Amino acid sequence: MTNENTPVTQVESAAELFEENFEEEFESAAEYHRMAARHFEAAAKHHRLAAVSDDEGDNESTAQHAFQAFRHQLNAVQYAEIAVMDNENLDNEFDEDIED
């Protein structure tokens, strides 16, 4: 049984997912933070949809939404990590603490 609201997605390899999400370089750490936020929001949406599907007993839809939520969470964490690593101001602050 398939829920009409459930998007049909193809399972992609990890390499394809990485290339899809990281094929473009952003200009600033702020853009990486925005992408992280978008993926966290999408993960939350899919978790809510997985909960509704689970309440309705739709195991297939629950699994699909759970998988999508997990994928978005992984992408969000990667963007957040890049944002922190690319933020030159943070590096300078931590370097000053070490030098004291």
N, C-alpha and C. Protein backbone atom coordinates (compact mmCIF):
# COMPACT_ATOMS: atom_id res chain seq x y z
N MET A 1 0.85 -1.18 0.00
CA MET A 1 0.00 0.00 0.00
C MET A 1 0.89 1.24 0.00
N THR A 2 0.65 2.14 -0.92
CA THR A 2 1.46 3.34 -1.05
C THR A 2 0.61 4.56 -0.75
N ASN A 3 1.16 5.44 0.05
CA ASN A 3 0.50 6.68 0.41
C ASN A 3 0.67 7.66 -0.75
N GLU A 4 -0.41 8.35 -1.15
CA GLU A 4 -0.36 9.29 -2.27
C GLU A 4 0.61 10.43 -2.02
N ASN A 5 0.78 10.82 -0.76
CA ASN A 5 1.63 11.95 -0.41
C ASN A 5 3.10 11.57 -0.33
N THR A 6 3.41 10.29 -0.39
CA THR A 6 4.78 9.83 -0.27
C THR A 6 5.50 10.00 -1.60
N PRO A 7 6.61 10.75 -1.59
CA PRO A 7 7.34 10.90 -2.85
C PRO A 7 8.03 9.59 -3.23
N VAL A 8 8.06 9.31 -4.51
CA VAL A 8 8.73 8.12 -4.99
C VAL A 8 10.18 8.51 -5.25
N THR A 9 11.11 7.82 -4.61
CA THR A 9 12.51 8.13 -4.78
C THR A 9 13.28 6.89 -5.15
N GLN A 10 14.38 7.10 -5.84
CA GLN A 10 15.26 6.00 -6.17
C GLN A 10 16.38 5.98 -5.14
N VAL A 11 16.76 4.79 -4.73
CA VAL A 11 17.87 4.67 -3.80
C VAL A 11 19.15 4.93 -4.58
N GLU A 12 19.97 5.84 -4.07
CA GLU A 12 21.19 6.22 -4.73
C GLU A 12 22.38 5.76 -3.91
N SER A 13 23.50 5.59 -4.57
CA SER A 13 24.71 5.20 -3.85
C SER A 13 25.21 6.39 -3.04
N ALA A 14 26.06 6.12 -2.07
CA ALA A 14 26.61 7.19 -1.23
C ALA A 14 27.41 8.17 -2.08
N ALA A 15 28.13 7.67 -3.06
CA ALA A 15 28.92 8.56 -3.93
C ALA A 15 28.02 9.50 -4.72
N GLU A 16 26.89 8.98 -5.24
CA GLU A 16 25.96 9.82 -6.00
C GLU A 16 25.34 10.88 -5.09
N LEU A 17 25.00 10.52 -3.86
CA LEU A 17 24.44 11.48 -2.93
C LEU A 17 25.43 12.58 -2.61
N PHE A 18 26.70 12.19 -2.40
CA PHE A 18 27.72 13.18 -2.10
C PHE A 18 27.88 14.15 -3.27
N GLU A 19 27.99 13.60 -4.48
CA GLU A 19 28.17 14.46 -5.66
C GLU A 19 26.97 15.37 -5.86
N GLU A 20 25.77 14.84 -5.63
CA GLU A 20 24.54 15.62 -5.81
C GLU A 20 24.50 16.81 -4.86
N ASN A 21 24.91 16.60 -3.63
CA ASN A 21 24.77 17.63 -2.62
C ASN A 21 26.00 18.52 -2.47
N PHE A 22 27.15 18.10 -2.95
CA PHE A 22 28.35 18.88 -2.76
C PHE A 22 29.04 19.23 -4.07
N GLU A 23 28.29 19.23 -5.16
CA GLU A 23 28.91 19.52 -6.45
C GLU A 23 29.23 21.00 -6.63
N GLU A 24 28.62 21.87 -5.84
CA GLU A 24 28.90 23.28 -5.98
C GLU A 24 29.53 23.80 -4.70
N GLU A 25 30.47 24.72 -4.86
CA GLU A 25 31.10 25.35 -3.73
C GLU A 25 30.33 26.62 -3.40
N PHE A 26 30.13 26.86 -2.12
CA PHE A 26 29.45 28.07 -1.70
C PHE A 26 30.48 29.15 -1.40
N GLU A 27 30.03 30.38 -1.43
CA GLU A 27 30.93 31.51 -1.25
C GLU A 27 31.23 31.81 0.21
N SER A 28 30.31 31.45 1.11
CA SER A 28 30.52 31.84 2.51
C SER A 28 30.03 30.74 3.45
N ALA A 29 30.49 30.84 4.68
CA ALA A 29 30.04 29.90 5.70
C ALA A 29 28.53 30.05 5.93
N ALA A 30 28.01 31.25 5.74
CA ALA A 30 26.57 31.49 5.94
C ALA A 30 25.74 30.62 5.01
N GLU A 31 26.21 30.44 3.77
CA GLU A 31 25.48 29.61 2.82
C GLU A 31 25.47 28.14 3.26
N TYR A 32 26.57 27.69 3.84
CA TYR A 32 26.61 26.33 4.36
C TYR A 32 25.66 26.19 5.55
N HIS A 33 25.61 27.21 6.40
CA HIS A 33 24.68 27.18 7.53
C HIS A 33 23.23 27.11 7.03
N ARG A 34 22.92 27.88 5.99
CA ARG A 34 21.57 27.86 5.43
C ARG A 34 21.21 26.48 4.87
N MET A 35 22.17 25.87 4.17
CA MET A 35 21.91 24.52 3.63
C MET A 35 21.73 23.52 4.76
N ALA A 36 22.52 23.65 5.81
CA ALA A 36 22.36 22.76 6.96
C ALA A 36 20.96 22.92 7.55
N ALA A 37 20.53 24.16 7.69
CA ALA A 37 19.19 24.42 8.25
C ALA A 37 18.10 23.83 7.37
N ARG A 38 18.24 23.96 6.05
CA ARG A 38 17.23 23.40 5.14
C ARG A 38 17.14 21.89 5.28
N HIS A 39 18.30 21.25 5.40
CA HIS A 39 18.29 19.79 5.54
C HIS A 39 17.75 19.36 6.90
N PHE A 40 18.06 20.11 7.97
CA PHE A 40 17.48 19.78 9.28
C PHE A 40 15.96 19.94 9.24
N GLU A 41 15.48 20.99 8.56
CA GLU A 41 14.04 21.20 8.43
C GLU A 41 13.39 20.05 7.65
N ALA A 42 14.03 19.63 6.57
CA ALA A 42 13.50 18.52 5.78
C ALA A 42 13.50 17.23 6.59
N ALA A 43 14.55 17.02 7.39
CA ALA A 43 14.61 15.83 8.24
C ALA A 43 13.45 15.84 9.24
N ALA A 44 13.18 16.99 9.84
CA ALA A 44 12.08 17.10 10.80
C ALA A 44 10.74 16.80 10.12
N LYS A 45 10.57 17.33 8.91
CA LYS A 45 9.32 17.09 8.16
C LYS A 45 9.13 15.60 7.92
N HIS A 46 10.18 14.92 7.48
CA HIS A 46 10.06 13.49 7.21
C HIS A 46 9.85 12.68 8.49
N HIS A 47 10.44 13.12 9.60
CA HIS A 47 10.18 12.43 10.87
C HIS A 47 8.71 12.56 11.26
N ARG A 48 8.15 13.76 11.06
CA ARG A 48 6.72 13.95 11.36
C ARG A 48 5.86 13.06 10.46
N LEU A 49 6.19 13.00 9.17
CA LEU A 49 5.44 12.16 8.25
C LEU A 49 5.61 10.68 8.57
N ALA A 50 6.79 10.29 9.01
CA ALA A 50 7.01 8.89 9.43
C ALA A 50 6.15 8.57 10.63
N ALA A 51 6.03 9.50 11.56
CA ALA A 51 5.19 9.28 12.75
C ALA A 51 3.73 9.11 12.37
N VAL A 52 3.25 9.96 11.46
CA VAL A 52 1.85 9.85 11.01
C VAL A 52 1.63 8.51 10.30
N SER A 53 2.57 8.14 9.44
CA SER A 53 2.46 6.86 8.73
C SER A 53 2.46 5.69 9.69
N ASP A 54 3.29 5.79 10.72
CA ASP A 54 3.36 4.72 11.72
C ASP A 54 2.04 4.63 12.49
N ASP A 55 1.47 5.78 12.83
CA ASP A 55 0.17 5.79 13.51
C ASP A 55 -0.90 5.14 12.65
N GLU A 56 -0.79 5.31 11.34
CA GLU A 56 -1.77 4.75 10.41
C GLU A 56 -1.47 3.30 10.05
N GLY A 57 -0.33 2.79 10.52
CA GLY A 57 0.03 1.41 10.24
C GLY A 57 0.61 1.18 8.86
N ASP A 58 1.04 2.23 8.21
CA ASP A 58 1.61 2.13 6.86
C ASP A 58 3.13 1.95 6.99
N ASN A 59 3.56 0.71 7.07
CA ASN A 59 4.97 0.41 7.31
C ASN A 59 5.86 0.85 6.16
N GLU A 60 5.40 0.72 4.93
CA GLU A 60 6.21 1.11 3.78
C GLU A 60 6.48 2.62 3.79
N SER A 61 5.44 3.39 4.01
CA SER A 61 5.59 4.84 4.05
C SER A 61 6.44 5.26 5.25
N THR A 62 6.26 4.60 6.37
CA THR A 62 7.07 4.90 7.55
C THR A 62 8.54 4.70 7.25
N ALA A 63 8.86 3.58 6.63
CA ALA A 63 10.26 3.28 6.29
C ALA A 63 10.83 4.29 5.30
N GLN A 64 10.05 4.67 4.30
CA GLN A 64 10.52 5.64 3.31
C GLN A 64 10.80 6.99 3.95
N HIS A 65 9.88 7.45 4.80
CA HIS A 65 10.08 8.74 5.46
C HIS A 65 11.24 8.69 6.44
N ALA A 66 11.39 7.59 7.14
CA ALA A 66 12.50 7.45 8.08
C ALA A 66 13.83 7.50 7.32
N PHE A 67 13.90 6.83 6.17
CA PHE A 67 15.11 6.86 5.36
C PHE A 67 15.41 8.27 4.87
N GLN A 68 14.39 8.96 4.38
CA GLN A 68 14.58 10.34 3.90
C GLN A 68 15.03 11.25 5.04
N ALA A 69 14.44 11.07 6.22
CA ALA A 69 14.83 11.88 7.38
C ALA A 69 16.29 11.65 7.72
N PHE A 70 16.71 10.40 7.71
CA PHE A 70 18.09 10.06 8.02
C PHE A 70 19.04 10.67 7.00
N ARG A 71 18.69 10.58 5.72
CA ARG A 71 19.53 11.15 4.65
C ARG A 71 19.69 12.66 4.82
N HIS A 72 18.57 13.33 5.10
CA HIS A 72 18.64 14.79 5.29
C HIS A 72 19.47 15.14 6.52
N GLN A 73 19.35 14.34 7.57
CA GLN A 73 20.13 14.61 8.78
C GLN A 73 21.63 14.49 8.48
N LEU A 74 22.01 13.46 7.74
CA LEU A 74 23.42 13.29 7.40
C LEU A 74 23.92 14.47 6.57
N ASN A 75 23.13 14.89 5.60
CA ASN A 75 23.52 16.05 4.78
C ASN A 75 23.63 17.31 5.63
N ALA A 76 22.69 17.50 6.54
CA ALA A 76 22.70 18.68 7.39
C ALA A 76 23.96 18.73 8.24
N VAL A 77 24.32 17.60 8.82
CA VAL A 77 25.52 17.55 9.65
C VAL A 77 26.77 17.85 8.81
N GLN A 78 26.82 17.33 7.60
CA GLN A 78 27.97 17.60 6.74
C GLN A 78 28.08 19.09 6.40
N TYR A 79 26.96 19.71 6.06
CA TYR A 79 26.99 21.14 5.77
C TYR A 79 27.39 21.94 7.01
N ALA A 80 26.88 21.54 8.17
CA ALA A 80 27.23 22.25 9.41
C ALA A 80 28.73 22.12 9.70
N GLU A 81 29.28 20.94 9.47
CA GLU A 81 30.71 20.75 9.69
C GLU A 81 31.54 21.62 8.75
N ILE A 82 31.13 21.68 7.48
CA ILE A 82 31.85 22.51 6.52
C ILE A 82 31.77 23.97 6.92
N ALA A 83 30.59 24.40 7.38
CA ALA A 83 30.41 25.79 7.79
C ALA A 83 31.37 26.15 8.92
N VAL A 84 31.53 25.25 9.86
CA VAL A 84 32.43 25.52 10.99
C VAL A 84 33.88 25.52 10.52
N MET A 85 34.23 24.56 9.68
CA MET A 85 35.62 24.48 9.20
C MET A 85 35.98 25.66 8.31
N ASP A 86 35.01 26.19 7.56
CA ASP A 86 35.27 27.30 6.65
C ASP A 86 35.20 28.67 7.33
N ASN A 87 34.78 28.72 8.56
CA ASN A 87 34.64 29.99 9.25
C ASN A 87 36.00 30.41 9.80
N GLU A 88 36.66 31.31 9.09
CA GLU A 88 38.00 31.75 9.47
C GLU A 88 38.01 32.48 10.80
N ASN A 89 36.93 33.15 11.15
CA ASN A 89 36.88 33.87 12.42
C ASN A 89 36.97 32.92 13.60
N LEU A 90 36.33 31.77 13.48
CA LEU A 90 36.40 30.80 14.57
C LEU A 90 37.81 30.28 14.75
N ASP A 91 38.51 30.04 13.66
CA ASP A 91 39.90 29.57 13.75
C ASP A 91 40.76 30.58 14.50
N ASN A 92 40.59 31.85 14.19
CA ASN A 92 41.39 32.89 14.84
C ASN A 92 41.10 32.96 16.32
N GLU A 93 39.84 32.84 16.73
CA GLU A 93 39.49 32.90 18.15
C GLU A 93 40.12 31.75 18.91
N PHE A 94 40.06 30.54 18.32
CA PHE A 94 40.62 29.39 19.02
C PHE A 94 42.14 29.46 19.06
N ASP A 95 42.76 29.99 18.02
CA ASP A 95 44.21 30.14 18.00
C ASP A 95 44.66 31.11 19.10
N GLU A 96 43.91 32.19 19.32
CA GLU A 96 44.24 33.16 20.35
C GLU A 96 44.18 32.52 21.73
N ASP A 97 43.19 31.63 21.95
CA ASP A 97 43.06 30.97 23.24
C ASP A 97 44.25 30.06 23.51
N ILE A 98 44.75 29.42 22.48
CA ILE A 98 45.88 28.51 22.64
C ILE A 98 47.16 29.28 22.93
N GLU A 99 47.32 30.44 22.30
CA GLU A 99 48.54 31.22 22.46
C GLU A 99 48.66 31.85 23.84
N ASP A 100 47.57 32.06 24.55
CA ASP A 100 47.62 32.69 25.88
C ASP A 100 48.28 31.85 26.91
